[in-house]
Amino acid sequence: MKVLFISALTPYPLYSGGQVRTFNLLSRLSKHHEITLVTFLRNPSEVQYEKQLPFVKKIITQYRGHAWQPGYVVGSLMGSKPLLLTSYDHPQLRAAIARELASDSYDLIHIEPWYVWPSVPEVTIPVIAATHNIEHEVYMQFAKSVRWSLLRPGYYWDVWKLRCWEQEVWKRAARVIAVSDDDARTIATSVGPERVRIVPNGVDTKAYRPVIRKRVGSPVFLFVGSFMWMQNRDAVSWLLSSIWPELRRRHPGSILRIIGRNMPEGLRRLTTGGHIELMEQVEDVADEFHRADMLLAPIRIGGGTSFKILEAMASGLPVVTTSLGATGMHVTSGEEVRIANTSQEFTDAVAYLVKNPGEYIRMARQARALIEREYNWDAISSVLDRVWYETAKQHH
């Protein structure tokens, strides 16, 4: 089939979960389909990465920059769209897509994720809208956490618009893709279950090999996440303020290694001393999973599924996370991961694994087995392949 694939981010480099997902799906599906990629750029220099995407037939780009540019903010305040969608509303790209569709015979459009919809022109072919989480719920969690109460009404208004648009796009799409069972159930309440399909996040199981480390000396704890996303900024803030001090007390000599791009200055100030290592540029995060004893993922905001948790599980690195961090994964606390929702529970869960090496090894092995069964990209791309075929067939 001929597919027009519209992505919110350029799929390379693999800095964020969304980029990892898009790259792995495109690289596999392009073996069976002729795919034209339409992608937004945060920085004009990102065009250099096109050579890393030889598997797509053609690439069309549109500069977007960052969402908080004055033009986007003013446009959102004065218009019906929330800030997120306003930043993806580009008439010139809409016209370019219309010209591309007119010049060739495409079978369907896939948008990843759904909020790039404003740049999609009116079309007669089916449009599949992918979700990575329930976006308005994520933003509502953030709005509630804003410290300055005077700003909250503005955030709530933006979240309300986001919720309306999110549900409207679900209704307009021929199919809606969810990454988890929970998200699929939420979407189905608006459009019915027959139009919702689950295509989970996954791991390249060849790139992330299991190495179950035998600890020598004090433990090394790892936090991984791009600080471009509010979920990770909130998680590391909680980790440093409420969890790490007690971990240091219980495990003298332990090290906390924080890996992530776009580290805010506030984070650097919080981490002076205290056996904390900051690493913003990492060549291969898979190597870092093998150099640590445990992944700490105290996630309090978000949805969907966490790529770093999946990758750690694939690498044989035990994970301690929250119920929210484990959302969308078929895991049981104490089996493939340990789940903790308070600072006390978190430090207790870590201490248990440190003191019980047999349980540590058993959990790491069960986590890897789960990844191989349910979360490898080869199987996941086949699921999306079937969704594409059934959608195109139904609309022809």
Foldseek 3Di string as FASTA:
>chain_A
DEEEEEEAADLPDPAALLSVQVLLLQVQCLVPYAYEYEYEYQDPVCVVCVVVRVSHPYYHYHYQHDLPDPVLVVCQVPDLAFSLLSSLQDQVLLVVVVVVCVVDPHLEYEYRAQSNVNSHDDDQHAYEHEDQFLVLQLLVVVLVVDPDPVCSVVSVSSSVSVNVVVLVSLQRGQAYEAQFPVRLVVNCVRHNNVRYDYQHAFDALVLQAADADDDDAFFEEEEEDAPVDPQSVVQVVCCLPQALVVLCVVTPPYAYEYEYAPDDPVVVVSPDDDRYHYHDDDPRCSVVLNVGQAYEEAGDGDAREHPVVLSSLSHLHEYEYAPRNCHRPPDDALAQHHHDNDSVRRSVRVVVCVVDVVSSNRNSVRSNVSNVVPHHSVVSSVSVVVVSVVSSVVSD
